[in-house]
Amino acid sequence: MRGGVYTIYNNFETKVRKIENDNNNVELHTTDPKSLDLGYHIYKVYDNGTVYEKIVPKTEISDCYKINTYAIHKGIDSGILGGKDEKHWDICINIYTNEDVKRAVESGFEMWDRGVYRKKDVPIEELEFYEIKSEYDLWAN
């Protein structure tokens, strides 16, 4: 599941991360092992794959975009809070009306905070994911 700021760098979609106290460079992260041939190094190894990293000057980055991933559960658009593993996710919805409360409770959501209901450990098979992509100005943020 994708989320964060991305760019296309040397034909790889890479996640862009700012470096604390360094306004001139950024970290690029990808999961494509071919990136090793382009100067990336192994950043972290996980059970389900490896993340590769390269630090580059901000001036080498042109267009950036932000990706937010959401889920639809039983017809309800939901935000994704995370999960205990890749097959079970915690989701949340904002509540504005009494009808929203009724629909949330009928779908198994519980009050989490004022105006926010949460459902924990939802199996991935019950979720339909979608992304919203928007422009992101690396220099302004």
N, C-alpha and C. Protein backbone atom coordinates (compact mmCIF):
# COMPACT_ATOMS: atom_id res chain seq x y z
N MET A 1 0.84 -1.17 0.00
CA MET A 1 0.00 0.00 0.00
C MET A 1 0.89 1.24 0.00
N ARG A 2 0.57 2.17 -0.87
CA ARG A 2 1.40 3.36 -1.00
C ARG A 2 0.81 4.53 -0.23
N GLY A 3 1.69 5.39 0.22
CA GLY A 3 1.28 6.62 0.88
C GLY A 3 2.50 7.48 1.10
N GLY A 4 2.37 8.77 0.82
CA GLY A 4 3.47 9.69 1.01
C GLY A 4 3.77 10.45 -0.27
N VAL A 5 4.98 11.00 -0.34
CA VAL A 5 5.41 11.81 -1.48
C VAL A 5 6.29 10.96 -2.38
N TYR A 6 6.02 11.02 -3.69
CA TYR A 6 6.74 10.21 -4.67
C TYR A 6 7.22 11.08 -5.83
N THR A 7 8.18 10.54 -6.58
CA THR A 7 8.64 11.14 -7.82
C THR A 7 9.11 10.01 -8.73
N ILE A 8 9.31 10.34 -9.99
CA ILE A 8 9.94 9.40 -10.92
C ILE A 8 11.38 9.85 -11.07
N TYR A 9 12.31 8.97 -10.71
CA TYR A 9 13.74 9.29 -10.75
C TYR A 9 14.44 8.17 -11.49
N ASN A 10 15.07 8.47 -12.61
CA ASN A 10 15.73 7.46 -13.45
C ASN A 10 14.80 6.29 -13.77
N ASN A 11 13.57 6.61 -14.14
CA ASN A 11 12.55 5.63 -14.53
C ASN A 11 12.06 4.74 -13.39
N PHE A 12 12.35 5.09 -12.15
CA PHE A 12 11.84 4.36 -10.99
C PHE A 12 10.90 5.27 -10.22
N GLU A 13 9.74 4.73 -9.86
CA GLU A 13 8.91 5.47 -8.92
C GLU A 13 9.55 5.31 -7.55
N THR A 14 9.90 6.41 -6.95
CA THR A 14 10.57 6.38 -5.66
C THR A 14 9.83 7.26 -4.66
N LYS A 15 9.86 6.82 -3.42
CA LYS A 15 9.30 7.62 -2.35
C LYS A 15 10.35 8.67 -1.96
N VAL A 16 9.91 9.89 -1.73
CA VAL A 16 10.81 11.00 -1.40
C VAL A 16 10.63 11.32 0.07
N ARG A 17 11.74 11.35 0.79
CA ARG A 17 11.70 11.74 2.21
C ARG A 17 12.70 12.85 2.45
N LYS A 18 12.25 13.84 3.19
CA LYS A 18 13.15 14.93 3.56
C LYS A 18 14.13 14.43 4.61
N ILE A 19 15.29 15.06 4.63
CA ILE A 19 16.31 14.74 5.62
C ILE A 19 16.29 15.84 6.67
N GLU A 20 16.16 15.45 7.92
CA GLU A 20 16.10 16.43 9.00
C GLU A 20 17.36 17.27 9.00
N ASN A 21 17.18 18.58 9.14
CA ASN A 21 18.28 19.56 9.19
C ASN A 21 19.12 19.60 7.91
N ASP A 22 18.54 19.18 6.78
CA ASP A 22 19.24 19.24 5.50
C ASP A 22 18.22 19.68 4.44
N ASN A 23 18.24 20.95 4.09
CA ASN A 23 17.28 21.47 3.12
C ASN A 23 17.73 21.30 1.67
N ASN A 24 18.93 20.76 1.46
CA ASN A 24 19.47 20.65 0.11
C ASN A 24 19.34 19.26 -0.50
N ASN A 25 19.17 18.23 0.32
CA ASN A 25 19.13 16.85 -0.16
C ASN A 25 17.86 16.14 0.31
N VAL A 26 17.52 15.06 -0.38
CA VAL A 26 16.39 14.21 0.00
C VAL A 26 16.80 12.76 -0.10
N GLU A 27 16.08 11.91 0.62
CA GLU A 27 16.26 10.46 0.51
C GLU A 27 15.24 9.94 -0.50
N LEU A 28 15.69 9.05 -1.37
CA LEU A 28 14.80 8.35 -2.29
C LEU A 28 14.75 6.89 -1.87
N HIS A 29 13.54 6.33 -1.81
CA HIS A 29 13.37 4.93 -1.41
C HIS A 29 12.58 4.19 -2.48
N THR A 30 13.02 3.00 -2.82
CA THR A 30 12.33 2.13 -3.77
C THR A 30 12.47 0.68 -3.33
N THR A 31 11.62 -0.17 -3.85
CA THR A 31 11.73 -1.60 -3.55
C THR A 31 12.24 -2.38 -4.75
N ASP A 32 12.63 -1.68 -5.80
CA ASP A 32 13.10 -2.33 -7.03
C ASP A 32 14.59 -2.64 -6.91
N PRO A 33 14.98 -3.93 -6.93
CA PRO A 33 16.40 -4.29 -6.80
C PRO A 33 17.28 -3.76 -7.94
N LYS A 34 16.68 -3.45 -9.08
CA LYS A 34 17.45 -2.89 -10.20
C LYS A 34 18.03 -1.52 -9.85
N SER A 35 17.49 -0.90 -8.82
CA SER A 35 17.99 0.42 -8.42
C SER A 35 19.42 0.36 -7.91
N LEU A 36 19.89 -0.81 -7.49
CA LEU A 36 21.29 -0.96 -7.05
C LEU A 36 22.26 -0.55 -8.15
N ASP A 37 21.86 -0.79 -9.41
CA ASP A 37 22.71 -0.41 -10.54
C ASP A 37 22.77 1.10 -10.73
N LEU A 38 21.89 1.85 -10.06
CA LEU A 38 21.84 3.30 -10.20
C LEU A 38 22.36 4.01 -8.96
N GLY A 39 23.09 3.30 -8.11
CA GLY A 39 23.71 3.94 -6.96
C GLY A 39 22.92 3.87 -5.67
N TYR A 40 21.81 3.17 -5.67
CA TYR A 40 21.07 2.97 -4.42
C TYR A 40 21.80 1.93 -3.58
N HIS A 41 21.56 1.95 -2.29
CA HIS A 41 22.11 0.93 -1.41
C HIS A 41 20.96 0.33 -0.57
N ILE A 42 21.21 -0.80 0.04
CA ILE A 42 20.18 -1.44 0.86
C ILE A 42 19.96 -0.58 2.10
N TYR A 43 18.73 -0.21 2.31
CA TYR A 43 18.34 0.63 3.46
C TYR A 43 17.81 -0.25 4.59
N LYS A 44 16.81 -1.08 4.28
CA LYS A 44 16.24 -1.98 5.28
C LYS A 44 15.75 -3.25 4.61
N VAL A 45 15.90 -4.36 5.31
CA VAL A 45 15.41 -5.64 4.82
C VAL A 45 14.27 -6.10 5.72
N TYR A 46 13.13 -6.38 5.10
CA TYR A 46 11.94 -6.85 5.81
C TYR A 46 11.63 -8.27 5.38
N ASP A 47 10.73 -8.92 6.09
CA ASP A 47 10.32 -10.27 5.71
C ASP A 47 9.72 -10.32 4.31
N ASN A 48 9.03 -9.25 3.91
CA ASN A 48 8.36 -9.26 2.62
C ASN A 48 9.09 -8.47 1.53
N GLY A 49 10.35 -8.07 1.77
CA GLY A 49 11.09 -7.37 0.73
C GLY A 49 12.15 -6.44 1.29
N THR A 50 12.84 -5.78 0.37
CA THR A 50 13.95 -4.90 0.73
C THR A 50 13.65 -3.49 0.22
N VAL A 51 14.06 -2.51 1.01
CA VAL A 51 13.95 -1.11 0.61
C VAL A 51 15.35 -0.61 0.30
N TYR A 52 15.49 0.06 -0.86
CA TYR A 52 16.77 0.61 -1.30
C TYR A 52 16.70 2.13 -1.20
N GLU A 53 17.85 2.74 -0.90
CA GLU A 53 17.88 4.18 -0.65
C GLU A 53 19.01 4.84 -1.42
N LYS A 54 18.75 6.08 -1.81
CA LYS A 54 19.79 6.92 -2.41
C LYS A 54 19.53 8.35 -1.94
N ILE A 55 20.57 9.05 -1.55
CA ILE A 55 20.46 10.46 -1.17
C ILE A 55 20.90 11.29 -2.36
N VAL A 56 20.03 12.24 -2.75
CA VAL A 56 20.31 13.08 -3.92
C VAL A 56 20.01 14.53 -3.59
N PRO A 57 20.62 15.46 -4.33
CA PRO A 57 20.27 16.87 -4.16
C PRO A 57 18.82 17.11 -4.59
N LYS A 58 18.15 17.98 -3.88
CA LYS A 58 16.77 18.34 -4.24
C LYS A 58 16.68 18.82 -5.68
N THR A 59 17.74 19.45 -6.16
CA THR A 59 17.72 20.01 -7.51
C THR A 59 17.59 18.93 -8.58
N GLU A 60 17.87 17.67 -8.25
CA GLU A 60 17.72 16.57 -9.21
C GLU A 60 16.28 16.06 -9.30
N ILE A 61 15.43 16.55 -8.44
CA ILE A 61 14.03 16.11 -8.41
C ILE A 61 13.18 17.13 -9.14
N SER A 62 12.38 16.66 -10.09
CA SER A 62 11.51 17.60 -10.80
C SER A 62 10.10 17.53 -10.21
N ASP A 63 9.24 16.74 -10.77
CA ASP A 63 7.86 16.70 -10.33
C ASP A 63 7.66 15.70 -9.19
N CYS A 64 6.98 16.15 -8.17
CA CYS A 64 6.61 15.27 -7.06
C CYS A 64 5.09 15.21 -6.96
N TYR A 65 4.61 14.14 -6.39
CA TYR A 65 3.18 14.00 -6.16
C TYR A 65 2.97 13.25 -4.85
N LYS A 66 1.84 13.52 -4.24
CA LYS A 66 1.50 12.89 -2.97
C LYS A 66 0.41 11.85 -3.23
N ILE A 67 0.56 10.70 -2.62
CA ILE A 67 -0.43 9.64 -2.74
C ILE A 67 -1.00 9.34 -1.36
N ASN A 68 -2.32 9.37 -1.27
CA ASN A 68 -3.04 8.94 -0.08
C ASN A 68 -3.89 7.74 -0.47
N THR A 69 -3.83 6.68 0.32
CA THR A 69 -4.61 5.49 0.04
C THR A 69 -5.76 5.40 1.03
N TYR A 70 -6.92 5.06 0.52
CA TYR A 70 -8.14 4.94 1.32
C TYR A 70 -8.76 3.57 1.05
N ALA A 71 -9.79 3.24 1.81
CA ALA A 71 -10.47 1.96 1.64
C ALA A 71 -11.98 2.16 1.65
N ILE A 72 -12.66 1.29 0.94
CA ILE A 72 -14.12 1.23 1.00
C ILE A 72 -14.47 -0.08 1.71
N HIS A 73 -15.26 0.04 2.75
CA HIS A 73 -15.68 -1.13 3.53
C HIS A 73 -17.21 -1.10 3.65
N LYS A 74 -17.85 -2.11 3.06
CA LYS A 74 -19.31 -2.20 3.08
C LYS A 74 -19.95 -0.91 2.58
N GLY A 75 -19.37 -0.34 1.52
CA GLY A 75 -19.92 0.87 0.91
C GLY A 75 -19.55 2.16 1.61
N ILE A 76 -18.71 2.09 2.63
CA ILE A 76 -18.34 3.28 3.40
C ILE A 76 -16.88 3.64 3.11
N ASP A 77 -16.65 4.89 2.65
CA ASP A 77 -15.29 5.37 2.46
C ASP A 77 -14.60 5.51 3.81
N SER A 78 -13.40 4.97 3.92
CA SER A 78 -12.71 4.95 5.20
C SER A 78 -11.26 5.38 5.05
N GLY A 79 -10.74 6.01 6.09
CA GLY A 79 -9.32 6.27 6.19
C GLY A 79 -8.64 5.02 6.73
N ILE A 80 -7.36 4.89 6.45
CA ILE A 80 -6.60 3.71 6.91
C ILE A 80 -5.68 4.15 8.04
N LEU A 81 -5.81 3.48 9.17
CA LEU A 81 -4.98 3.80 10.34
C LEU A 81 -3.73 2.95 10.42
N GLY A 82 -3.74 1.81 9.79
CA GLY A 82 -2.63 0.86 9.88
C GLY A 82 -3.21 -0.50 10.17
N GLY A 83 -2.37 -1.42 10.57
CA GLY A 83 -2.86 -2.75 10.85
C GLY A 83 -1.83 -3.60 11.55
N LYS A 84 -2.31 -4.73 12.06
CA LYS A 84 -1.38 -5.60 12.77
C LYS A 84 -0.53 -6.42 11.81
N ASP A 85 -1.00 -6.57 10.57
CA ASP A 85 -0.24 -7.24 9.53
C ASP A 85 -0.81 -6.81 8.19
N GLU A 86 -0.31 -7.37 7.10
CA GLU A 86 -0.75 -6.95 5.77
C GLU A 86 -2.13 -7.46 5.40
N LYS A 87 -2.69 -8.34 6.21
CA LYS A 87 -3.99 -8.94 5.89
C LYS A 87 -5.12 -8.43 6.76
N HIS A 88 -4.83 -7.58 7.74
CA HIS A 88 -5.84 -7.02 8.63
C HIS A 88 -5.52 -5.55 8.87
N TRP A 89 -6.52 -4.68 8.64
CA TRP A 89 -6.31 -3.25 8.71
C TRP A 89 -7.29 -2.60 9.66
N ASP A 90 -6.83 -1.54 10.33
CA ASP A 90 -7.71 -0.70 11.14
C ASP A 90 -8.12 0.47 10.26
N ILE A 91 -9.43 0.76 10.23
CA ILE A 91 -9.94 1.83 9.40
C ILE A 91 -10.79 2.78 10.25
N CYS A 92 -11.00 3.98 9.75
CA CYS A 92 -11.80 4.95 10.50
C CYS A 92 -12.65 5.79 9.56
N ILE A 93 -13.71 6.35 10.13
CA ILE A 93 -14.57 7.26 9.38
C ILE A 93 -14.92 8.45 10.26
N ASN A 94 -15.18 9.58 9.61
CA ASN A 94 -15.64 10.76 10.33
C ASN A 94 -17.16 10.74 10.36
N ILE A 95 -17.72 11.12 11.49
CA ILE A 95 -19.16 11.12 11.69
C ILE A 95 -19.65 12.57 11.77
N TYR A 96 -20.69 12.87 10.98
CA TYR A 96 -21.23 14.22 10.97
C TYR A 96 -22.69 14.28 11.41
N THR A 97 -23.45 13.19 11.20
CA THR A 97 -24.88 13.21 11.50
C THR A 97 -25.28 11.95 12.27
N ASN A 98 -26.48 11.96 12.82
CA ASN A 98 -27.00 10.76 13.49
C ASN A 98 -27.12 9.60 12.51
N GLU A 99 -27.42 9.89 11.27
CA GLU A 99 -27.51 8.84 10.24
C GLU A 99 -26.13 8.20 10.03
N ASP A 100 -25.07 9.03 10.06
CA ASP A 100 -23.70 8.50 9.96
C ASP A 100 -23.40 7.55 11.11
N VAL A 101 -23.83 7.92 12.32
CA VAL A 101 -23.60 7.07 13.50
C VAL A 101 -24.29 5.73 13.30
N LYS A 102 -25.54 5.78 12.89
CA LYS A 102 -26.32 4.55 12.69
C LYS A 102 -25.64 3.65 11.67
N ARG A 103 -25.26 4.21 10.55
CA ARG A 103 -24.60 3.43 9.49
C ARG A 103 -23.27 2.84 9.97
N ALA A 104 -22.51 3.62 10.73
CA ALA A 104 -21.22 3.14 11.24
C ALA A 104 -21.42 1.97 12.19
N VAL A 105 -22.34 2.11 13.13
CA VAL A 105 -22.58 1.05 14.12
C VAL A 105 -23.09 -0.21 13.43
N GLU A 106 -23.99 -0.06 12.46
CA GLU A 106 -24.50 -1.21 11.71
C GLU A 106 -23.40 -1.93 10.94
N SER A 107 -22.34 -1.22 10.60
CA SER A 107 -21.22 -1.80 9.86
C SER A 107 -20.09 -2.28 10.78
N GLY A 108 -20.31 -2.21 12.09
CA GLY A 108 -19.32 -2.73 13.03
C GLY A 108 -18.28 -1.75 13.52
N PHE A 109 -18.45 -0.46 13.22
CA PHE A 109 -17.53 0.55 13.73
C PHE A 109 -17.89 0.89 15.17
N GLU A 110 -16.88 1.30 15.94
CA GLU A 110 -17.09 1.73 17.32
C GLU A 110 -16.53 3.13 17.49
N MET A 111 -17.13 3.89 18.41
CA MET A 111 -16.65 5.25 18.66
C MET A 111 -15.20 5.18 19.16
N TRP A 112 -14.35 6.00 18.54
CA TRP A 112 -12.94 6.02 18.90
C TRP A 112 -12.59 7.35 19.53
N ASP A 113 -13.13 8.41 18.97
CA ASP A 113 -12.89 9.76 19.45
C ASP A 113 -14.11 10.58 19.05
N ARG A 114 -14.19 11.77 19.53
CA ARG A 114 -15.34 12.61 19.19
C ARG A 114 -15.42 12.79 17.67
N GLY A 115 -16.51 12.32 17.09
CA GLY A 115 -16.73 12.44 15.66
C GLY A 115 -15.98 11.45 14.80
N VAL A 116 -15.29 10.48 15.40
CA VAL A 116 -14.53 9.49 14.64
C VAL A 116 -14.87 8.09 15.15
N TYR A 117 -15.19 7.21 14.22
CA TYR A 117 -15.47 5.82 14.54
C TYR A 117 -14.40 4.95 13.88
N ARG A 118 -14.06 3.86 14.56
CA ARG A 118 -12.98 2.99 14.09
C ARG A 118 -13.46 1.55 14.08
N LYS A 119 -12.90 0.80 13.14
CA LYS A 119 -13.11 -0.64 13.09
C LYS A 119 -11.73 -1.28 13.00
N LYS A 120 -11.45 -2.23 13.89
CA LYS A 120 -10.13 -2.84 13.97
C LYS A 120 -10.10 -4.20 13.29
N ASP A 121 -8.91 -4.55 12.82
CA ASP A 121 -8.62 -5.88 12.27
C ASP A 121 -9.58 -6.31 11.17
N VAL A 122 -9.85 -5.42 10.23
CA VAL A 122 -10.72 -5.74 9.11
C VAL A 122 -9.92 -6.57 8.10
N PRO A 123 -10.41 -7.76 7.74
CA PRO A 123 -9.69 -8.57 6.76
C PRO A 123 -9.57 -7.84 5.42
N ILE A 124 -8.43 -7.98 4.79
CA ILE A 124 -8.16 -7.27 3.54
C ILE A 124 -9.18 -7.63 2.46
N GLU A 125 -9.73 -8.84 2.53
CA GLU A 125 -10.73 -9.27 1.55
C GLU A 125 -12.01 -8.43 1.62
N GLU A 126 -12.25 -7.77 2.74
CA GLU A 126 -13.45 -6.95 2.91
C GLU A 126 -13.22 -5.49 2.52
N LEU A 127 -12.01 -5.17 2.05
CA LEU A 127 -11.66 -3.80 1.73
C LEU A 127 -11.35 -3.64 0.25
N GLU A 128 -11.79 -2.53 -0.30
CA GLU A 128 -11.43 -2.15 -1.66
C GLU A 128 -10.61 -0.87 -1.54
N PHE A 129 -9.34 -0.93 -1.93
CA PHE A 129 -8.44 0.21 -1.78
C PHE A 129 -8.46 1.09 -3.02
N TYR A 130 -8.26 2.38 -2.80
CA TYR A 130 -8.09 3.31 -3.91
C TYR A 130 -7.14 4.42 -3.47
N GLU A 131 -6.51 5.04 -4.45
CA GLU A 131 -5.54 6.09 -4.18
C GLU A 131 -6.03 7.43 -4.73
N ILE A 132 -5.64 8.48 -4.03
CA ILE A 132 -5.83 9.83 -4.54
C ILE A 132 -4.45 10.45 -4.69
N LYS A 133 -4.17 10.91 -5.89
CA LYS A 133 -2.86 11.46 -6.22
C LYS A 133 -3.01 12.97 -6.41
N SER A 134 -2.14 13.75 -5.78
CA SER A 134 -2.19 15.20 -5.90
C SER A 134 -0.78 15.76 -6.06
N GLU A 135 -0.70 16.94 -6.65
CA GLU A 135 0.61 17.59 -6.83
C GLU A 135 1.23 17.90 -5.47
N TYR A 136 2.55 17.92 -5.45
CA TYR A 136 3.26 18.23 -4.21
C TYR A 136 4.48 19.07 -4.57
N ASP A 137 4.62 20.22 -3.93
CA ASP A 137 5.75 21.11 -4.16
C ASP A 137 6.82 20.83 -3.11
N LEU A 138 7.86 20.15 -3.52
CA LEU A 138 8.95 19.77 -2.61
C LEU A 138 9.64 21.00 -2.02
N TRP A 139 9.70 22.08 -2.77
CA TRP A 139 10.40 23.27 -2.31
C TRP A 139 9.56 24.08 -1.33
N ALA A 140 8.26 24.01 -1.43
CA ALA A 140 7.39 24.80 -0.55
C ALA A 140 7.11 24.10 0.77
N ASN A 141 7.27 22.81 0.81
CA ASN A 141 6.92 22.05 2.03
C ASN A 141 8.13 21.63 2.82
